[in-house]
Amino acid sequence: MLPGSTENWTLGHSPTPTICEAIKDLYARNVEEFLLLPDGNEIRLDQLVSVGGKLLKTYC
């Protein structure tokens, strides 16, 4: 995904929220990787469960 594109995100929390938002930036801080949304919210990439309906556990 390129910055500015829109995708569905599922986070590893209970209950699991679904976010459909553009990506403003991807970056690392210390040893953690983050995705920045246009509204300023950050999502830790290791908390993602699925992207675009595809489970990420099959990719790691």
C-alpha atoms as a PDB file:
ATOM      1  CA  MET A   1       0.000   0.000   0.000  1.00  0.00           C
ATOM      2  CA  LEU A   2       1.211   3.465  -0.810  1.00  0.00           C
ATOM      3  CA  PRO A   3       0.642   6.513   1.404  1.00  0.00           C
ATOM      4  CA  GLY A   4      -2.719   8.059   0.621  1.00  0.00           C
ATOM      5  CA  SER A   5      -4.360   4.758  -0.331  1.00  0.00           C
ATOM      6  CA  THR A   6      -7.388   3.422   1.537  1.00  0.00           C
ATOM      7  CA  GLU A   7      -7.616  -0.050   3.087  1.00  0.00           C
ATOM      8  CA  ASN A   8      -9.525  -1.935   5.786  1.00  0.00           C
ATOM      9  CA  TRP A   9      -7.511  -2.639   8.937  1.00  0.00           C
ATOM     10  CA  THR A  10      -8.343  -5.015  11.767  1.00  0.00           C
ATOM     11  CA  LEU A  11      -6.483  -4.529  15.029  1.00  0.00           C
ATOM     12  CA  GLY A  12      -5.638  -7.185  17.621  1.00  0.00           C
ATOM     13  CA  HIS A  13      -7.866  -5.856  20.406  1.00  0.00           C
ATOM     14  CA  SER A  14     -11.116  -7.091  21.865  1.00  0.00           C
ATOM     15  CA  PRO A  15     -13.579  -6.154  20.571  1.00  0.00           C
ATOM     16  CA  THR A  16     -11.690  -5.889  17.296  1.00  0.00           C
ATOM     17  CA  PRO A  17     -12.195  -2.503  15.618  1.00  0.00           C
ATOM     18  CA  THR A  18     -12.165  -2.198  11.849  1.00  0.00           C
ATOM     19  CA  ILE A  19     -10.679   0.944  10.319  1.00  0.00           C
ATOM     20  CA  CYS A  20     -11.009   2.071   6.708  1.00  0.00           C
ATOM     21  CA  GLU A  21      -8.591   4.963   6.311  1.00  0.00           C
ATOM     22  CA  ALA A  22      -5.764   6.298   4.148  1.00  0.00           C
ATOM     23  CA  ILE A  23      -2.140   5.801   5.178  1.00  0.00           C
ATOM     24  CA  LYS A  24      -0.323   9.063   5.758  1.00  0.00           C
ATOM     25  CA  ASP A  25       3.057   7.580   6.729  1.00  0.00           C
ATOM     26  CA  LEU A  26       4.885   4.418   7.810  1.00  0.00           C
ATOM     27  CA  TYR A  27       7.815   4.707  10.209  1.00  0.00           C
ATOM     28  CA  ALA A  28       9.808   3.056  13.002  1.00  0.00           C
ATOM     29  CA  ARG A  29      10.360   4.393  16.496  1.00  0.00           C
ATOM     30  CA  ASN A  30      12.855   2.472  18.631  1.00  0.00           C
ATOM     31  CA  VAL A  31      12.225  -1.115  17.486  1.00  0.00           C
ATOM     32  CA  GLU A  32       8.479  -0.678  16.854  1.00  0.00           C
ATOM     33  CA  GLU A  33       6.911   0.012  13.456  1.00  0.00           C
ATOM     34  CA  PHE A  34       3.921   2.339  13.103  1.00  0.00           C
ATOM     35  CA  LEU A  35       1.352   3.419  10.579  1.00  0.00           C
ATOM     36  CA  LEU A  36       0.182   7.050  10.786  1.00  0.00           C
ATOM     37  CA  LEU A  37      -3.388   7.951   9.818  1.00  0.00           C
ATOM     38  CA  PRO A  38      -4.382  11.390   8.458  1.00  0.00           C
ATOM     39  CA  ASP A  39      -6.180  12.213  11.735  1.00  0.00           C
ATOM     40  CA  GLY A  40      -2.908  11.757  13.669  1.00  0.00           C
ATOM     41  CA  ASN A  41      -3.706   8.344  15.161  1.00  0.00           C
ATOM     42  CA  GLU A  42      -0.881   5.806  15.167  1.00  0.00           C
ATOM     43  CA  ILE A  43      -1.262   2.054  14.788  1.00  0.00           C
ATOM     44  CA  ARG A  44       1.518  -0.331  15.781  1.00  0.00           C
ATOM     45  CA  LEU A  45       1.982  -2.705  12.876  1.00  0.00           C
ATOM     46  CA  ASP A  46       2.440  -5.705  15.194  1.00  0.00           C
ATOM     47  CA  GLN A  47      -1.140  -5.100  16.429  1.00  0.00           C
ATOM     48  CA  LEU A  48      -2.698  -5.583  12.983  1.00  0.00           C
ATOM     49  CA  VAL A  49      -4.692  -8.793  12.554  1.00  0.00           C
ATOM     50  CA  SER A  50      -5.730  -8.386   8.921  1.00  0.00           C
ATOM     51  CA  VAL A  51      -5.431  -5.962   6.020  1.00  0.00           C
ATOM     52  CA  GLY A  52      -7.918  -5.971   3.163  1.00  0.00           C
ATOM     53  CA  GLY A  53      -9.555  -9.106   4.599  1.00  0.00           C
ATOM     54  CA  LYS A  54      -6.296 -11.087   4.545  1.00  0.00           C
ATOM     55  CA  LEU A  55      -5.074 -12.487   7.885  1.00  0.00           C
ATOM     56  CA  LEU A  56      -1.529 -11.361   8.587  1.00  0.00           C
ATOM     57  CA  LYS A  57      -0.620 -14.380  10.708  1.00  0.00           C
ATOM     58  CA  THR A  58      -0.143 -16.299   7.463  1.00  0.00           C
ATOM     59  CA  TYR A  59       2.454 -13.738   6.300  1.00  0.00           C
ATOM     60  CA  CYS A  60       4.717 -13.547   9.351  1.00  0.00           C
END
